[in-house]
Amino acid sequence: MPIVTIQQGPRQVEQKRELVERITAAFVETLECPAESVLVWIQEYPAEN
């Protein structure tokens, strides 16, 4: 099961959704794993850090 952790500043919900969809698609296409097995964790930090 692929696990991806992203650390970033705040983003809009729609941007995060698209990012997760594209990352998941890359794993499905490249590793031929089921989309349900890909976990993407987004940790947001204040922009001033």
PDB file of N, CA and C in Angstrom:
ATOM      1  N   MET A   1       0.837  -1.167   0.000  1.00  0.00           N
ATOM      2  CA  MET A   1       0.000   0.000   0.000  1.00  0.00           C
ATOM      3  C   MET A   1       0.889   1.240   0.000  1.00  0.00           C
ATOM      4  N   PRO A   2       0.851   2.034  -1.055  1.00  0.00           N
ATOM      5  CA  PRO A   2       1.626   3.275  -1.099  1.00  0.00           C
ATOM      6  C   PRO A   2       1.050   4.310  -0.128  1.00  0.00           C
ATOM      7  N   ILE A   3       1.949   4.976   0.584  1.00  0.00           N
ATOM      8  CA  ILE A   3       1.562   6.060   1.487  1.00  0.00           C
ATOM      9  C   ILE A   3       2.375   7.290   1.110  1.00  0.00           C
ATOM     10  N   VAL A   4       1.697   8.386   0.822  1.00  0.00           N
ATOM     11  CA  VAL A   4       2.351   9.627   0.429  1.00  0.00           C
ATOM     12  C   VAL A   4       2.025  10.681   1.480  1.00  0.00           C
ATOM     13  N   THR A   5       3.054  11.372   1.975  1.00  0.00           N
ATOM     14  CA  THR A   5       2.848  12.460   2.925  1.00  0.00           C
ATOM     15  C   THR A   5       3.290  13.764   2.277  1.00  0.00           C
ATOM     16  N   ILE A   6       2.416  14.746   2.286  1.00  0.00           N
ATOM     17  CA  ILE A   6       2.702  16.054   1.705  1.00  0.00           C
ATOM     18  C   ILE A   6       2.673  17.078   2.828  1.00  0.00           C
ATOM     19  N   GLN A   7       3.716  17.872   2.917  1.00  0.00           N
ATOM     20  CA  GLN A   7       3.765  18.958   3.892  1.00  0.00           C
ATOM     21  C   GLN A   7       3.782  20.258   3.102  1.00  0.00           C
ATOM     22  N   GLN A   8       2.810  21.112   3.370  1.00  0.00           N
ATOM     23  CA  GLN A   8       2.677  22.334   2.572  1.00  0.00           C
ATOM     24  C   GLN A   8       1.950  23.402   3.366  1.00  0.00           C
ATOM     25  N   GLY A   9       1.943  24.594   2.793  1.00  0.00           N
ATOM     26  CA  GLY A   9       1.138  25.673   3.346  1.00  0.00           C
ATOM     27  C   GLY A   9      -0.319  25.465   2.975  1.00  0.00           C
ATOM     28  N   PRO A  10      -1.197  26.281   3.507  1.00  0.00           N
ATOM     29  CA  PRO A  10      -2.632  26.144   3.241  1.00  0.00           C
ATOM     30  C   PRO A  10      -2.963  26.269   1.748  1.00  0.00           C
ATOM     31  N   ARG A  11      -3.892  25.445   1.303  1.00  0.00           N
ATOM     32  CA  ARG A  11      -4.385  25.467  -0.075  1.00  0.00           C
ATOM     33  C   ARG A  11      -5.902  25.325  -0.046  1.00  0.00           C
ATOM     34  N   GLN A  12      -6.532  25.663  -1.154  1.00  0.00           N
ATOM     35  CA  GLN A  12      -7.981  25.511  -1.291  1.00  0.00           C
ATOM     36  C   GLN A  12      -8.337  24.022  -1.339  1.00  0.00           C
ATOM     37  N   VAL A  13      -9.531  23.691  -0.869  1.00  0.00           N
ATOM     38  CA  VAL A  13      -9.978  22.299  -0.836  1.00  0.00           C
ATOM     39  C   VAL A  13      -9.935  21.679  -2.231  1.00  0.00           C
ATOM     40  N   GLU A  14     -10.390  22.408  -3.234  1.00  0.00           N
ATOM     41  CA  GLU A  14     -10.412  21.862  -4.594  1.00  0.00           C
ATOM     42  C   GLU A  14      -8.998  21.571  -5.104  1.00  0.00           C
ATOM     43  N   GLN A  15      -8.038  22.406  -4.768  1.00  0.00           N
ATOM     44  CA  GLN A  15      -6.647  22.161  -5.158  1.00  0.00           C
ATOM     45  C   GLN A  15      -6.130  20.878  -4.520  1.00  0.00           C
ATOM     46  N   LYS A  16      -6.451  20.672  -3.258  1.00  0.00           N
ATOM     47  CA  LYS A  16      -6.005  19.460  -2.563  1.00  0.00           C
ATOM     48  C   LYS A  16      -6.666  18.222  -3.157  1.00  0.00           C
ATOM     49  N   ARG A  17      -7.936  18.321  -3.497  1.00  0.00           N
ATOM     50  CA  ARG A  17      -8.626  17.184  -4.122  1.00  0.00           C
ATOM     51  C   ARG A  17      -7.957  16.797  -5.437  1.00  0.00           C
ATOM     52  N   GLU A  18      -7.678  17.802  -6.254  1.00  0.00           N
ATOM     53  CA  GLU A  18      -7.046  17.520  -7.543  1.00  0.00           C
ATOM     54  C   GLU A  18      -5.658  16.920  -7.354  1.00  0.00           C
ATOM     55  N   LEU A  19      -4.903  17.434  -6.405  1.00  0.00           N
ATOM     56  CA  LEU A  19      -3.572  16.905  -6.124  1.00  0.00           C
ATOM     57  C   LEU A  19      -3.647  15.434  -5.731  1.00  0.00           C
ATOM     58  N   VAL A  20      -4.563  15.101  -4.832  1.00  0.00           N
ATOM     59  CA  VAL A  20      -4.722  13.710  -4.396  1.00  0.00           C
ATOM     60  C   VAL A  20      -5.137  12.826  -5.571  1.00  0.00           C
ATOM     61  N   GLU A  21      -6.045  13.296  -6.402  1.00  0.00           N
ATOM     62  CA  GLU A  21      -6.480  12.520  -7.569  1.00  0.00           C
ATOM     63  C   GLU A  21      -5.320  12.243  -8.515  1.00  0.00           C
ATOM     64  N   ARG A  22      -4.496  13.248  -8.771  1.00  0.00           N
ATOM     65  CA  ARG A  22      -3.375  13.075  -9.701  1.00  0.00           C
ATOM     66  C   ARG A  22      -2.288  12.166  -9.128  1.00  0.00           C
ATOM     67  N   ILE A  23      -2.012  12.311  -7.846  1.00  0.00           N
ATOM     68  CA  ILE A  23      -1.018  11.437  -7.210  1.00  0.00           C
ATOM     69  C   ILE A  23      -1.510   9.993  -7.242  1.00  0.00           C
ATOM     70  N   THR A  24      -2.771   9.799  -6.901  1.00  0.00           N
ATOM     71  CA  THR A  24      -3.346   8.452  -6.926  1.00  0.00           C
ATOM     72  C   THR A  24      -3.277   7.864  -8.327  1.00  0.00           C
ATOM     73  N   ALA A  25      -3.637   8.639  -9.331  1.00  0.00           N
ATOM     74  CA  ALA A  25      -3.596   8.166 -10.716  1.00  0.00           C
ATOM     75  C   ALA A  25      -2.182   7.773 -11.127  1.00  0.00           C
ATOM     76  N   ALA A  26      -1.184   8.521 -10.681  1.00  0.00           N
ATOM     77  CA  ALA A  26       0.207   8.200 -11.016  1.00  0.00           C
ATOM     78  C   ALA A  26       0.605   6.840 -10.443  1.00  0.00           C
ATOM     79  N   PHE A  27       0.200   6.559  -9.212  1.00  0.00           N
ATOM     80  CA  PHE A  27       0.510   5.255  -8.613  1.00  0.00           C
ATOM     81  C   PHE A  27      -0.223   4.132  -9.334  1.00  0.00           C
ATOM     82  N   VAL A  28      -1.487   4.357  -9.664  1.00  0.00           N
ATOM     83  CA  VAL A  28      -2.277   3.339 -10.362  1.00  0.00           C
ATOM     84  C   VAL A  28      -1.645   3.025 -11.719  1.00  0.00           C
ATOM     85  N   GLU A  29      -1.272   4.048 -12.464  1.00  0.00           N
ATOM     86  CA  GLU A  29      -0.696   3.858 -13.794  1.00  0.00           C
ATOM     87  C   GLU A  29       0.702   3.259 -13.730  1.00  0.00           C
ATOM     88  N   THR A  30       1.526   3.723 -12.804  1.00  0.00           N
ATOM     89  CA  THR A  30       2.922   3.310 -12.753  1.00  0.00           C
ATOM     90  C   THR A  30       3.117   1.970 -12.052  1.00  0.00           C
ATOM     91  N   LEU A  31       2.475   1.791 -10.911  1.00  0.00           N
ATOM     92  CA  LEU A  31       2.677   0.582 -10.107  1.00  0.00           C
ATOM     93  C   LEU A  31       1.569  -0.453 -10.281  1.00  0.00           C
ATOM     94  N   GLU A  32       0.534  -0.076 -11.049  1.00  0.00           N
ATOM     95  CA  GLU A  32      -0.605  -0.956 -11.300  1.00  0.00           C
ATOM     96  C   GLU A  32      -1.237  -1.455 -10.000  1.00  0.00           C
ATOM     97  N   CYS A  33      -1.371  -0.554  -9.043  1.00  0.00           N
ATOM     98  CA  CYS A  33      -2.017  -0.898  -7.778  1.00  0.00           C
ATOM     99  C   CYS A  33      -3.429  -0.314  -7.775  1.00  0.00           C
ATOM    100  N   PRO A  34      -4.317  -0.881  -6.996  1.00  0.00           N
ATOM    101  CA  PRO A  34      -5.672  -0.335  -6.948  1.00  0.00           C
ATOM    102  C   PRO A  34      -5.692   1.051  -6.306  1.00  0.00           C
ATOM    103  N   ALA A  35      -6.522   1.915  -6.819  1.00  0.00           N
ATOM    104  CA  ALA A  35      -6.614   3.281  -6.289  1.00  0.00           C
ATOM    105  C   ALA A  35      -6.973   3.274  -4.807  1.00  0.00           C
ATOM    106  N   GLU A  36      -7.755   2.304  -4.384  1.00  0.00           N
ATOM    107  CA  GLU A  36      -8.178   2.229  -2.983  1.00  0.00           C
ATOM    108  C   GLU A  36      -7.009   1.970  -2.032  1.00  0.00           C
ATOM    109  N   SER A  37      -5.894   1.480  -2.560  1.00  0.00           N
ATOM    110  CA  SER A  37      -4.751   1.162  -1.696  1.00  0.00           C
ATOM    111  C   SER A  37      -3.807   2.346  -1.501  1.00  0.00           C
ATOM    112  N   VAL A  38      -4.012   3.425  -2.245  1.00  0.00           N
ATOM    113  CA  VAL A  38      -3.132   4.596  -2.161  1.00  0.00           C
ATOM    114  C   VAL A  38      -3.647   5.535  -1.070  1.00  0.00           C
ATOM    115  N   LEU A  39      -2.774   5.836  -0.112  1.00  0.00           N
ATOM    116  CA  LEU A  39      -3.123   6.772   0.958  1.00  0.00           C
ATOM    117  C   LEU A  39      -2.309   8.047   0.787  1.00  0.00           C
ATOM    118  N   VAL A  40      -2.977   9.175   0.777  1.00  0.00           N
ATOM    119  CA  VAL A  40      -2.301  10.469   0.653  1.00  0.00           C
ATOM    120  C   VAL A  40      -2.658  11.297   1.883  1.00  0.00           C
ATOM    121  N   TRP A  41      -1.636  11.668   2.648  1.00  0.00           N
ATOM    122  CA  TRP A  41      -1.806  12.480   3.850  1.00  0.00           C
ATOM    123  C   TRP A  41      -1.300  13.881   3.554  1.00  0.00           C
ATOM    124  N   ILE A  42      -2.109  14.883   3.835  1.00  0.00           N
ATOM    125  CA  ILE A  42      -1.699  16.271   3.638  1.00  0.00           C
ATOM    126  C   ILE A  42      -1.616  16.943   4.999  1.00  0.00           C
ATOM    127  N   GLN A  43      -0.431  17.451   5.306  1.00  0.00           N
ATOM    128  CA  GLN A  43      -0.219  18.206   6.541  1.00  0.00           C
ATOM    129  C   GLN A  43      -0.019  19.660   6.143  1.00  0.00           C
ATOM    130  N   GLU A  44      -0.865  20.526   6.653  1.00  0.00           N
ATOM    131  CA  GLU A  44      -0.761  21.942   6.310  1.00  0.00           C
ATOM    132  C   GLU A  44      -0.158  22.720   7.473  1.00  0.00           C
ATOM    133  N   TYR A  45       0.713  23.628   7.115  1.00  0.00           N
ATOM    134  CA  TYR A  45       1.387  24.480   8.089  1.00  0.00           C
ATOM    135  C   TYR A  45       1.136  25.933   7.725  1.00  0.00           C
ATOM    136  N   PRO A  46       1.119  26.823   8.684  1.00  0.00           N
ATOM    137  CA  PRO A  46       0.934  28.243   8.383  1.00  0.00           C
ATOM    138  C   PRO A  46       1.998  28.729   7.399  1.00  0.00           C
ATOM    139  N   ALA A  47       1.610  29.640   6.535  1.00  0.00           N
ATOM    140  CA  ALA A  47       2.517  30.143   5.499  1.00  0.00           C
ATOM    141  C   ALA A  47       3.758  30.809   6.072  1.00  0.00           C
ATOM    142  N   GLU A  48       3.690  31.363   7.261  1.00  0.00           N
ATOM    143  CA  GLU A  48       4.841  32.082   7.818  1.00  0.00           C
ATOM    144  C   GLU A  48       5.916  31.169   8.393  1.00  0.00           C
ATOM    145  N   ASN A  49       5.694  29.854   8.449  1.00  0.00           N
ATOM    146  CA  ASN A  49       6.726  28.943   8.971  1.00  0.00           C
ATOM    147  C   ASN A  49       7.772  28.649   7.946  1.00  0.00           C
TER     148      ASN A  49
END
